[in-house]
Amino acid sequence: AFKLDVYAIGWFRQAPGKEREGVSCIG
C-alpha cells in the first residue's frame, strides 16, 4: 500500500570512467 507519490524520482546516468550525473527528476 506504499505510495510512490511521496517521493521525488530522479534519473541519473554513469558512463565508463565518468562520475554519475543527474539527467532528470520529477517531484
mmCIF file of all heavy atoms, coordinates in Angstrom:
data_MODEL
# 
_entry.id   MODEL 
# 
loop_
_atom_site.group_PDB 
_atom_site.id 
_atom_site.type_symbol 
_atom_site.label_atom_id 
_atom_site.label_alt_id 
_atom_site.label_comp_id 
_atom_site.label_asym_id 
_atom_site.label_entity_id 
_atom_site.label_seq_id 
_atom_site.pdbx_PDB_ins_code 
_atom_site.Cartn_x 
_atom_site.Cartn_y 
_atom_site.Cartn_z 
_atom_site.occupancy 
_atom_site.B_iso_or_equiv 
_atom_site.pdbx_formal_charge 
_atom_site.auth_seq_id 
_atom_site.auth_comp_id 
_atom_site.auth_asym_id 
_atom_site.auth_atom_id 
_atom_site.pdbx_PDB_model_num 
ATOM 1   N N   . ALA A 1 1  ? 0.816  -1.213 0.000   1.00 0.00 ? 1  ALA A N   1 
ATOM 2   C CA  . ALA A 1 1  ? 0.000  0.000  0.000   1.00 0.00 ? 1  ALA A CA  1 
ATOM 3   C C   . ALA A 1 1  ? 0.850  1.262  0.000   1.00 0.00 ? 1  ALA A C   1 
ATOM 4   O O   . ALA A 1 1  ? 0.306  2.366  0.074   1.00 0.00 ? 1  ALA A O   1 
ATOM 5   C CB  . ALA A 1 1  ? -0.922 0.005  1.216   1.00 0.00 ? 1  ALA A CB  1 
ATOM 6   N N   . PHE A 1 2  ? 2.169  1.109  -0.109  1.00 0.00 ? 2  PHE A N   1 
ATOM 7   C CA  . PHE A 1 2  ? 3.015  2.299  -0.062  1.00 0.00 ? 2  PHE A CA  1 
ATOM 8   C C   . PHE A 1 2  ? 2.663  3.228  -1.219  1.00 0.00 ? 2  PHE A C   1 
ATOM 9   O O   . PHE A 1 2  ? 2.141  2.805  -2.250  1.00 0.00 ? 2  PHE A O   1 
ATOM 10  C CB  . PHE A 1 2  ? 4.491  1.900  -0.152  1.00 0.00 ? 2  PHE A CB  1 
ATOM 11  C CG  . PHE A 1 2  ? 4.981  1.714  -1.573  1.00 0.00 ? 2  PHE A CG  1 
ATOM 12  C CD1 . PHE A 1 2  ? 5.670  2.715  -2.228  1.00 0.00 ? 2  PHE A CD1 1 
ATOM 13  C CD2 . PHE A 1 2  ? 4.730  0.528  -2.247  1.00 0.00 ? 2  PHE A CD2 1 
ATOM 14  C CE1 . PHE A 1 2  ? 6.112  2.547  -3.534  1.00 0.00 ? 2  PHE A CE1 1 
ATOM 15  C CE2 . PHE A 1 2  ? 5.173  0.336  -3.532  1.00 0.00 ? 2  PHE A CE2 1 
ATOM 16  C CZ  . PHE A 1 2  ? 5.857  1.348  -4.190  1.00 0.00 ? 2  PHE A CZ  1 
ATOM 17  N N   . LYS A 1 3  ? 2.958  4.489  -1.036  1.00 0.00 ? 3  LYS A N   1 
ATOM 18  C CA  . LYS A 1 3  ? 2.669  5.495  -2.060  1.00 0.00 ? 3  LYS A CA  1 
ATOM 19  C C   . LYS A 1 3  ? 3.968  6.029  -2.638  1.00 0.00 ? 3  LYS A C   1 
ATOM 20  O O   . LYS A 1 3  ? 4.765  6.637  -1.938  1.00 0.00 ? 3  LYS A O   1 
ATOM 21  C CB  . LYS A 1 3  ? 1.840  6.632  -1.465  1.00 0.00 ? 3  LYS A CB  1 
ATOM 22  C CG  . LYS A 1 3  ? 0.452  6.195  -1.012  1.00 0.00 ? 3  LYS A CG  1 
ATOM 23  C CD  . LYS A 1 3  ? -0.342 7.377  -0.477  1.00 0.00 ? 3  LYS A CD  1 
ATOM 24  C CE  . LYS A 1 3  ? -1.740 6.943  -0.055  1.00 0.00 ? 3  LYS A CE  1 
ATOM 25  N NZ  . LYS A 1 3  ? -2.542 8.075  0.462   1.00 0.00 ? 3  LYS A NZ  1 
ATOM 26  N N   . LEU A 1 4  ? 4.147  5.811  -3.923  1.00 0.00 ? 4  LEU A N   1 
ATOM 27  C CA  . LEU A 1 4  ? 5.322  6.366  -4.591  1.00 0.00 ? 4  LEU A CA  1 
ATOM 28  C C   . LEU A 1 4  ? 5.228  7.870  -4.714  1.00 0.00 ? 4  LEU A C   1 
ATOM 29  O O   . LEU A 1 4  ? 6.234  8.559  -4.855  1.00 0.00 ? 4  LEU A O   1 
ATOM 30  C CB  . LEU A 1 4  ? 5.486  5.724  -5.970  1.00 0.00 ? 4  LEU A CB  1 
ATOM 31  C CG  . LEU A 1 4  ? 6.756  6.076  -6.736  1.00 0.00 ? 4  LEU A CG  1 
ATOM 32  C CD1 . LEU A 1 4  ? 7.989  5.576  -5.986  1.00 0.00 ? 4  LEU A CD1 1 
ATOM 33  C CD2 . LEU A 1 4  ? 6.717  5.503  -8.147  1.00 0.00 ? 4  LEU A CD2 1 
ATOM 34  N N   . ASP A 1 5  ? 3.984  8.378  -4.618  1.00 0.00 ? 5  ASP A N   1 
ATOM 35  C CA  . ASP A 1 5  ? 3.742  9.807  -4.788  1.00 0.00 ? 5  ASP A CA  1 
ATOM 36  C C   . ASP A 1 5  ? 4.562  10.673 -3.847  1.00 0.00 ? 5  ASP A C   1 
ATOM 37  O O   . ASP A 1 5  ? 4.822  11.833 -4.139  1.00 0.00 ? 5  ASP A O   1 
ATOM 38  C CB  . ASP A 1 5  ? 2.257  10.115 -4.529  1.00 0.00 ? 5  ASP A CB  1 
ATOM 39  C CG  . ASP A 1 5  ? 1.371  9.568  -5.618  1.00 0.00 ? 5  ASP A CG  1 
ATOM 40  O OD1 . ASP A 1 5  ? 1.911  9.089  -6.617  1.00 0.00 ? 5  ASP A OD1 1 
ATOM 41  O OD2 . ASP A 1 5  ? 0.146  9.634  -5.460  1.00 0.00 ? 5  ASP A OD2 1 
ATOM 42  N N   . VAL A 1 6  ? 4.926  10.153 -2.670  1.00 0.00 ? 6  VAL A N   1 
ATOM 43  C CA  . VAL A 1 6  ? 5.600  10.991 -1.685  1.00 0.00 ? 6  VAL A CA  1 
ATOM 44  C C   . VAL A 1 6  ? 7.073  11.182 -2.003  1.00 0.00 ? 6  VAL A C   1 
ATOM 45  O O   . VAL A 1 6  ? 7.763  11.939 -1.334  1.00 0.00 ? 6  VAL A O   1 
ATOM 46  C CB  . VAL A 1 6  ? 5.449  10.425 -0.258  1.00 0.00 ? 6  VAL A CB  1 
ATOM 47  C CG1 . VAL A 1 6  ? 3.981  10.310 0.112   1.00 0.00 ? 6  VAL A CG1 1 
ATOM 48  C CG2 . VAL A 1 6  ? 6.140  9.078  -0.121  1.00 0.00 ? 6  VAL A CG2 1 
ATOM 49  N N   . TYR A 1 7  ? 7.541  10.487 -3.021  1.00 0.00 ? 7  TYR A N   1 
ATOM 50  C CA  . TYR A 1 7  ? 8.939  10.573 -3.399  1.00 0.00 ? 7  TYR A CA  1 
ATOM 51  C C   . TYR A 1 7  ? 9.126  11.375 -4.679  1.00 0.00 ? 7  TYR A C   1 
ATOM 52  O O   . TYR A 1 7  ? 8.335  11.255 -5.621  1.00 0.00 ? 7  TYR A O   1 
ATOM 53  C CB  . TYR A 1 7  ? 9.519  9.182  -3.644  1.00 0.00 ? 7  TYR A CB  1 
ATOM 54  C CG  . TYR A 1 7  ? 9.617  8.311  -2.427  1.00 0.00 ? 7  TYR A CG  1 
ATOM 55  C CD1 . TYR A 1 7  ? 8.578  7.459  -2.083  1.00 0.00 ? 7  TYR A CD1 1 
ATOM 56  C CD2 . TYR A 1 7  ? 10.752 8.337  -1.618  1.00 0.00 ? 7  TYR A CD2 1 
ATOM 57  C CE1 . TYR A 1 7  ? 8.667  6.643  -0.969  1.00 0.00 ? 7  TYR A CE1 1 
ATOM 58  C CE2 . TYR A 1 7  ? 10.853 7.520  -0.506  1.00 0.00 ? 7  TYR A CE2 1 
ATOM 59  C CZ  . TYR A 1 7  ? 9.810  6.688  -0.195  1.00 0.00 ? 7  TYR A CZ  1 
ATOM 60  O OH  . TYR A 1 7  ? 9.906  5.885  0.906   1.00 0.00 ? 7  TYR A OH  1 
ATOM 61  N N   . ALA A 1 8  ? 10.179 12.163 -4.704  1.00 0.00 ? 8  ALA A N   1 
ATOM 62  C CA  . ALA A 1 8  ? 10.664 12.676 -5.980  1.00 0.00 ? 8  ALA A CA  1 
ATOM 63  C C   . ALA A 1 8  ? 11.509 11.564 -6.602  1.00 0.00 ? 8  ALA A C   1 
ATOM 64  O O   . ALA A 1 8  ? 12.225 10.845 -5.891  1.00 0.00 ? 8  ALA A O   1 
ATOM 65  C CB  . ALA A 1 8  ? 11.507 13.920 -5.768  1.00 0.00 ? 8  ALA A CB  1 
ATOM 66  N N   . ILE A 1 9  ? 11.413 11.406 -7.899  1.00 0.00 ? 9  ILE A N   1 
ATOM 67  C CA  . ILE A 1 9  ? 12.167 10.374 -8.600  1.00 0.00 ? 9  ILE A CA  1 
ATOM 68  C C   . ILE A 1 9  ? 13.129 11.025 -9.573  1.00 0.00 ? 9  ILE A C   1 
ATOM 69  O O   . ILE A 1 9  ? 12.737 11.916 -10.345 1.00 0.00 ? 9  ILE A O   1 
ATOM 70  C CB  . ILE A 1 9  ? 11.235 9.418  -9.363  1.00 0.00 ? 9  ILE A CB  1 
ATOM 71  C CG1 . ILE A 1 9  ? 10.222 8.777  -8.413  1.00 0.00 ? 9  ILE A CG1 1 
ATOM 72  C CG2 . ILE A 1 9  ? 12.063 8.353  -10.082 1.00 0.00 ? 9  ILE A CG2 1 
ATOM 73  C CD1 . ILE A 1 9  ? 10.834 7.903  -7.344  1.00 0.00 ? 9  ILE A CD1 1 
ATOM 74  N N   . GLY A 1 10 ? 14.358 10.589 -9.514  1.00 0.00 ? 10 GLY A N   1 
ATOM 75  C CA  . GLY A 1 10 ? 15.365 11.118 -10.412 1.00 0.00 ? 10 GLY A CA  1 
ATOM 76  C C   . GLY A 1 10 ? 15.933 10.030 -11.315 1.00 0.00 ? 10 GLY A C   1 
ATOM 77  O O   . GLY A 1 10 ? 15.951 8.854  -10.947 1.00 0.00 ? 10 GLY A O   1 
ATOM 78  N N   . TRP A 1 11 ? 16.370 10.443 -12.479 1.00 0.00 ? 11 TRP A N   1 
ATOM 79  C CA  . TRP A 1 11 ? 17.117 9.571  -13.377 1.00 0.00 ? 11 TRP A CA  1 
ATOM 80  C C   . TRP A 1 11 ? 18.555 10.101 -13.438 1.00 0.00 ? 11 TRP A C   1 
ATOM 81  O O   . TRP A 1 11 ? 18.773 11.306 -13.610 1.00 0.00 ? 11 TRP A O   1 
ATOM 82  C CB  . TRP A 1 11 ? 16.524 9.562  -14.788 1.00 0.00 ? 11 TRP A CB  1 
ATOM 83  C CG  . TRP A 1 11 ? 15.303 8.716  -14.927 1.00 0.00 ? 11 TRP A CG  1 
ATOM 84  C CD1 . TRP A 1 11 ? 14.007 9.123  -14.892 1.00 0.00 ? 11 TRP A CD1 1 
ATOM 85  C CD2 . TRP A 1 11 ? 15.267 7.302  -15.131 1.00 0.00 ? 11 TRP A CD2 1 
ATOM 86  N NE1 . TRP A 1 11 ? 13.160 8.060  -15.052 1.00 0.00 ? 11 TRP A NE1 1 
ATOM 87  C CE2 . TRP A 1 11 ? 13.904 6.918  -15.200 1.00 0.00 ? 11 TRP A CE2 1 
ATOM 88  C CE3 . TRP A 1 11 ? 16.241 6.311  -15.249 1.00 0.00 ? 11 TRP A CE3 1 
ATOM 89  C CZ2 . TRP A 1 11 ? 13.502 5.596  -15.405 1.00 0.00 ? 11 TRP A CZ2 1 
ATOM 90  C CZ3 . TRP A 1 11 ? 15.843 4.999  -15.442 1.00 0.00 ? 11 TRP A CZ3 1 
ATOM 91  C CH2 . TRP A 1 11 ? 14.483 4.649  -15.520 1.00 0.00 ? 11 TRP A CH2 1 
ATOM 92  N N   . PHE A 1 12 ? 19.481 9.181  -13.324 1.00 0.00 ? 12 PHE A N   1 
ATOM 93  C CA  . PHE A 1 12 ? 20.892 9.505  -13.351 1.00 0.00 ? 12 PHE A CA  1 
ATOM 94  C C   . PHE A 1 12 ? 21.572 8.568  -14.343 1.00 0.00 ? 12 PHE A C   1 
ATOM 95  O O   . PHE A 1 12 ? 21.017 7.537  -14.710 1.00 0.00 ? 12 PHE A O   1 
ATOM 96  C CB  . PHE A 1 12 ? 21.508 9.315  -11.959 1.00 0.00 ? 12 PHE A CB  1 
ATOM 97  C CG  . PHE A 1 12 ? 20.884 10.188 -10.909 1.00 0.00 ? 12 PHE A CG  1 
ATOM 98  C CD1 . PHE A 1 12 ? 19.692 9.828  -10.296 1.00 0.00 ? 12 PHE A CD1 1 
ATOM 99  C CD2 . PHE A 1 12 ? 21.480 11.383 -10.537 1.00 0.00 ? 12 PHE A CD2 1 
ATOM 100 C CE1 . PHE A 1 12 ? 19.097 10.636 -9.340  1.00 0.00 ? 12 PHE A CE1 1 
ATOM 101 C CE2 . PHE A 1 12 ? 20.907 12.201 -9.579  1.00 0.00 ? 12 PHE A CE2 1 
ATOM 102 C CZ  . PHE A 1 12 ? 19.708 11.823 -8.985  1.00 0.00 ? 12 PHE A CZ  1 
ATOM 103 N N   . ARG A 1 13 ? 22.763 8.919  -14.760 1.00 0.00 ? 13 ARG A N   1 
ATOM 104 C CA  . ARG A 1 13 ? 23.498 8.040  -15.655 1.00 0.00 ? 13 ARG A CA  1 
ATOM 105 C C   . ARG A 1 13 ? 24.983 8.096  -15.338 1.00 0.00 ? 13 ARG A C   1 
ATOM 106 O O   . ARG A 1 13 ? 25.487 9.095  -14.816 1.00 0.00 ? 13 ARG A O   1 
ATOM 107 C CB  . ARG A 1 13 ? 23.245 8.410  -17.118 1.00 0.00 ? 13 ARG A CB  1 
ATOM 108 C CG  . ARG A 1 13 ? 23.784 9.768  -17.549 1.00 0.00 ? 13 ARG A CG  1 
ATOM 109 C CD  . ARG A 1 13 ? 23.328 10.086 -18.971 1.00 0.00 ? 13 ARG A CD  1 
ATOM 110 N NE  . ARG A 1 13 ? 23.849 11.373 -19.431 1.00 0.00 ? 13 ARG A NE  1 
ATOM 111 C CZ  . ARG A 1 13 ? 23.501 11.929 -20.593 1.00 0.00 ? 13 ARG A CZ  1 
ATOM 112 N NH1 . ARG A 1 13 ? 22.627 11.315 -21.398 1.00 0.00 ? 13 ARG A NH1 1 
ATOM 113 N NH2 . ARG A 1 13 ? 24.025 13.084 -20.948 1.00 0.00 ? 13 ARG A NH2 1 
ATOM 114 N N   . GLN A 1 14 ? 25.638 7.001  -15.673 1.00 0.00 ? 14 GLN A N   1 
ATOM 115 C CA  . GLN A 1 14 ? 27.074 6.926  -15.433 1.00 0.00 ? 14 GLN A CA  1 
ATOM 116 C C   . GLN A 1 14 ? 27.741 6.201  -16.585 1.00 0.00 ? 14 GLN A C   1 
ATOM 117 O O   . GLN A 1 14 ? 27.426 5.037  -16.856 1.00 0.00 ? 14 GLN A O   1 
ATOM 118 C CB  . GLN A 1 14 ? 27.378 6.216  -14.115 1.00 0.00 ? 14 GLN A CB  1 
ATOM 119 C CG  . GLN A 1 14 ? 28.841 6.268  -13.725 1.00 0.00 ? 14 GLN A CG  1 
ATOM 120 C CD  . GLN A 1 14 ? 29.067 5.852  -12.281 1.00 0.00 ? 14 GLN A CD  1 
ATOM 121 O OE1 . GLN A 1 14 ? 28.231 5.192  -11.662 1.00 0.00 ? 14 GLN A OE1 1 
ATOM 122 N NE2 . GLN A 1 14 ? 30.208 6.247  -11.729 1.00 0.00 ? 14 GLN A NE2 1 
ATOM 123 N N   . ALA A 1 15 ? 28.610 6.898  -17.275 1.00 0.00 ? 15 ALA A N   1 
ATOM 124 C CA  . ALA A 1 15 ? 29.380 6.320  -18.367 1.00 0.00 ? 15 ALA A CA  1 
ATOM 125 C C   . ALA A 1 15 ? 30.708 5.814  -17.810 1.00 0.00 ? 15 ALA A C   1 
ATOM 126 O O   . ALA A 1 15 ? 31.173 6.294  -16.766 1.00 0.00 ? 15 ALA A O   1 
ATOM 127 C CB  . ALA A 1 15 ? 29.608 7.361  -19.450 1.00 0.00 ? 15 ALA A CB  1 
ATOM 128 N N   . PRO A 1 16 ? 31.347 4.876  -18.502 1.00 0.00 ? 16 PRO A N   1 
ATOM 129 C CA  . PRO A 1 16 ? 32.629 4.349  -18.016 1.00 0.00 ? 16 PRO A CA  1 
ATOM 130 C C   . PRO A 1 16 ? 33.655 5.450  -17.794 1.00 0.00 ? 16 PRO A C   1 
ATOM 131 O O   . PRO A 1 16 ? 33.846 6.315  -18.650 1.00 0.00 ? 16 PRO A O   1 
ATOM 132 C CB  . PRO A 1 16 ? 33.062 3.410  -19.144 1.00 0.00 ? 16 PRO A CB  1 
ATOM 133 C CG  . PRO A 1 16 ? 31.784 2.984  -19.783 1.00 0.00 ? 16 PRO A CG  1 
ATOM 134 C CD  . PRO A 1 16 ? 30.892 4.185  -19.711 1.00 0.00 ? 16 PRO A CD  1 
ATOM 135 N N   . GLY A 1 17 ? 34.278 5.439  -16.628 1.00 0.00 ? 17 GLY A N   1 
ATOM 136 C CA  . GLY A 1 17 ? 35.303 6.421  -16.314 1.00 0.00 ? 17 GLY A CA  1 
ATOM 137 C C   . GLY A 1 17 ? 34.797 7.786  -15.938 1.00 0.00 ? 17 GLY A C   1 
ATOM 138 O O   . GLY A 1 17 ? 35.591 8.704  -15.731 1.00 0.00 ? 17 GLY A O   1 
ATOM 139 N N   . LYS A 1 18 ? 33.468 7.936  -15.850 1.00 0.00 ? 18 LYS A N   1 
ATOM 140 C CA  . LYS A 1 18 ? 32.900 9.245  -15.515 1.00 0.00 ? 18 LYS A CA  1 
ATOM 141 C C   . LYS A 1 18 ? 32.078 9.152  -14.236 1.00 0.00 ? 18 LYS A C   1 
ATOM 142 O O   . LYS A 1 18 ? 31.648 8.074  -13.824 1.00 0.00 ? 18 LYS A O   1 
ATOM 143 C CB  . LYS A 1 18 ? 32.027 9.769  -16.656 1.00 0.00 ? 18 LYS A CB  1 
ATOM 144 C CG  . LYS A 1 18 ? 32.799 10.074 -17.929 1.00 0.00 ? 18 LYS A CG  1 
ATOM 145 C CD  . LYS A 1 18 ? 31.904 10.747 -18.957 1.00 0.00 ? 18 LYS A CD  1 
ATOM 146 C CE  . LYS A 1 18 ? 32.697 11.134 -20.194 1.00 0.00 ? 18 LYS A CE  1 
ATOM 147 N NZ  . LYS A 1 18 ? 31.838 11.808 -21.206 1.00 0.00 ? 18 LYS A NZ  1 
ATOM 148 N N   . GLU A 1 19 ? 31.859 10.293 -13.626 1.00 0.00 ? 19 GLU A N   1 
ATOM 149 C CA  . GLU A 1 19 ? 31.036 10.325 -12.430 1.00 0.00 ? 19 GLU A CA  1 
ATOM 150 C C   . GLU A 1 19 ? 29.555 10.202 -12.801 1.00 0.00 ? 19 GLU A C   1 
ATOM 151 O O   . GLU A 1 19 ? 29.152 10.548 -13.914 1.00 0.00 ? 19 GLU A O   1 
ATOM 152 C CB  . GLU A 1 19 ? 31.269 11.642 -11.679 1.00 0.00 ? 19 GLU A CB  1 
ATOM 153 C CG  . GLU A 1 19 ? 32.655 11.776 -11.074 1.00 0.00 ? 19 GLU A CG  1 
ATOM 154 C CD  . GLU A 1 19 ? 32.778 12.994 -10.198 1.00 0.00 ? 19 GLU A CD  1 
ATOM 155 O OE1 . GLU A 1 19 ? 31.829 13.810 -10.157 1.00 0.00 ? 19 GLU A OE1 1 
ATOM 156 O OE2 . GLU A 1 19 ? 33.823 13.151 -9.553  1.00 0.00 ? 19 GLU A OE2 1 
ATOM 157 N N   . ARG A 1 20 ? 28.784 9.729  -11.837 1.00 0.00 ? 20 ARG A N   1 
ATOM 158 C CA  . ARG A 1 20 ? 27.348 9.652  -12.047 1.00 0.00 ? 20 ARG A CA  1 
ATOM 159 C C   . ARG A 1 20 ? 26.787 11.069 -12.111 1.00 0.00 ? 20 ARG A C   1 
ATOM 160 O O   . ARG A 1 20 ? 27.146 11.927 -11.297 1.00 0.00 ? 20 ARG A O   1 
ATOM 161 C CB  . ARG A 1 20 ? 26.693 8.871  -10.912 1.00 0.00 ? 20 ARG A CB  1 
ATOM 162 C CG  . ARG A 1 20 ? 25.268 8.466  -11.170 1.00 0.00 ? 20 ARG A CG  1 
ATOM 163 C CD  . ARG A 1 20 ? 24.775 7.468  -10.127 1.00 0.00 ? 20 ARG A CD  1 
ATOM 164 N NE  . ARG A 1 20 ? 25.544 6.238  -10.163 1.00 0.00 ? 20 ARG A NE  1 
ATOM 165 C CZ  . ARG A 1 20 ? 25.200 5.141  -9.478  1.00 0.00 ? 20 ARG A CZ  1 
ATOM 166 N NH1 . ARG A 1 20 ? 24.111 5.144  -8.709  1.00 0.00 ? 20 ARG A NH1 1 
ATOM 167 N NH2 . ARG A 1 20 ? 25.953 4.062  -9.536  1.00 0.00 ? 20 ARG A NH2 1 
ATOM 168 N N   . GLU A 1 21 ? 25.911 11.302 -13.075 1.00 0.00 ? 21 GLU A N   1 
ATOM 169 C CA  . GLU A 1 21 ? 25.359 12.632 -13.251 1.00 0.00 ? 21 GLU A CA  1 
ATOM 170 C C   . GLU A 1 21 ? 23.839 12.579 -13.320 1.00 0.00 ? 21 GLU A C   1 
ATOM 171 O O   . GLU A 1 21 ? 23.242 11.596 -13.749 1.00 0.00 ? 21 GLU A O   1 
ATOM 172 C CB  . GLU A 1 21 ? 25.903 13.278 -14.529 1.00 0.00 ? 21 GLU A CB  1 
ATOM 173 C CG  . GLU A 1 21 ? 25.525 12.556 -15.805 1.00 0.00 ? 21 GLU A CG  1 
ATOM 174 C CD  . GLU A 1 21 ? 25.974 13.291 -17.062 1.00 0.00 ? 21 GLU A CD  1 
ATOM 175 O OE1 . GLU A 1 21 ? 26.561 14.380 -16.955 1.00 0.00 ? 21 GLU A OE1 1 
ATOM 176 O OE2 . GLU A 1 21 ? 25.729 12.764 -18.160 1.00 0.00 ? 21 GLU A OE2 1 
ATOM 177 N N   . GLY A 1 22 ? 23.232 13.682 -12.892 1.00 0.00 ? 22 GLY A N   1 
ATOM 178 C CA  . GLY A 1 22 ? 21.796 13.778 -12.951 1.00 0.00 ? 22 GLY A CA  1 
ATOM 179 C C   . GLY A 1 22 ? 21.306 14.054 -14.360 1.00 0.00 ? 22 GLY A C   1 
ATOM 180 O O   . GLY A 1 22 ? 21.924 14.833 -15.102 1.00 0.00 ? 22 GLY A O   1 
ATOM 181 N N   . VAL A 1 23 ? 20.232 13.411 -14.736 1.00 0.00 ? 23 VAL A N   1 
ATOM 182 C CA  . VAL A 1 23 ? 19.641 13.587 -16.059 1.00 0.00 ? 23 VAL A CA  1 
ATOM 183 C C   . VAL A 1 23 ? 18.324 14.348 -15.958 1.00 0.00 ? 23 VAL A C   1 
ATOM 184 O O   . VAL A 1 23 ? 18.103 15.328 -16.672 1.00 0.00 ? 23 VAL A O   1 
ATOM 185 C CB  . VAL A 1 23 ? 19.400 12.221 -16.728 1.00 0.00 ? 23 VAL A CB  1 
ATOM 186 C CG1 . VAL A 1 23 ? 18.671 12.382 -18.055 1.00 0.00 ? 23 VAL A CG1 1 
ATOM 187 C CG2 . VAL A 1 23 ? 20.729 11.486 -16.920 1.00 0.00 ? 23 VAL A CG2 1 
ATOM 188 N N   . SER A 1 24 ? 17.461 13.887 -15.057 1.00 0.00 ? 24 SER A N   1 
ATOM 189 C CA  . SER A 1 24 ? 16.141 14.484 -14.941 1.00 0.00 ? 24 SER A CA  1 
ATOM 190 C C   . SER A 1 24 ? 15.525 14.062 -13.617 1.00 0.00 ? 24 SER A C   1 
ATOM 191 O O   . SER A 1 24 ? 15.933 13.063 -13.033 1.00 0.00 ? 24 SER A O   1 
ATOM 192 C CB  . SER A 1 24 ? 15.256 14.013 -16.105 1.00 0.00 ? 24 SER A CB  1 
ATOM 193 O OG  . SER A 1 24 ? 13.962 14.575 -16.028 1.00 0.00 ? 24 SER A OG  1 
ATOM 194 N N   . CYS A 1 25 ? 14.551 14.824 -13.154 1.00 0.00 ? 25 CYS A N   1 
ATOM 195 C CA  . CYS A 1 25 ? 13.802 14.404 -11.972 1.00 0.00 ? 25 CYS A CA  1 
ATOM 196 C C   . CYS A 1 25 ? 12.392 14.935 -12.064 1.00 0.00 ? 25 CYS A C   1 
ATOM 197 O O   . CYS A 1 25 ? 12.105 15.890 -12.814 1.00 0.00 ? 25 CYS A O   1 
ATOM 198 C CB  . CYS A 1 25 ? 14.477 14.851 -10.679 1.00 0.00 ? 25 CYS A CB  1 
ATOM 199 S SG  . CYS A 1 25 ? 14.514 16.632 -10.402 1.00 0.00 ? 25 CYS A SG  1 
ATOM 200 N N   . ILE A 1 26 ? 11.514 14.308 -11.287 1.00 0.00 ? 26 ILE A N   1 
ATOM 201 C CA  . ILE A 1 26 ? 10.117 14.711 -11.244 1.00 0.00 ? 26 ILE A CA  1 
ATOM 202 C C   . ILE A 1 26 ? 9.692  14.717 -9.784  1.00 0.00 ? 26 ILE A C   1 
ATOM 203 O O   . ILE A 1 26 ? 9.955  13.776 -9.038  1.00 0.00 ? 26 ILE A O   1 
ATOM 204 C CB  . ILE A 1 26 ? 9.237  13.783 -12.108 1.00 0.00 ? 26 ILE A CB  1 
ATOM 205 C CG1 . ILE A 1 26 ? 7.801  14.295 -12.175 1.00 0.00 ? 26 ILE A CG1 1 
ATOM 206 C CG2 . ILE A 1 26 ? 9.296  12.343 -11.624 1.00 0.00 ? 26 ILE A CG2 1 
ATOM 207 C CD1 . ILE A 1 26 ? 6.988  13.626 -13.284 1.00 0.00 ? 26 ILE A CD1 1 
ATOM 208 N N   . GLY A 1 27 ? 9.052  15.814 -9.370  1.00 0.00 ? 27 GLY A N   1 
ATOM 209 C CA  . GLY A 1 27 ? 8.652  15.971 -7.988  1.00 0.00 ? 27 GLY A CA  1 
ATOM 210 C C   . GLY A 1 27 ? 7.456  15.106 -7.632  1.00 0.00 ? 27 GLY A C   1 
ATOM 211 O O   . GLY A 1 27 ? 6.835  14.478 -8.494  1.00 0.00 ? 27 GLY A O   1 
# 
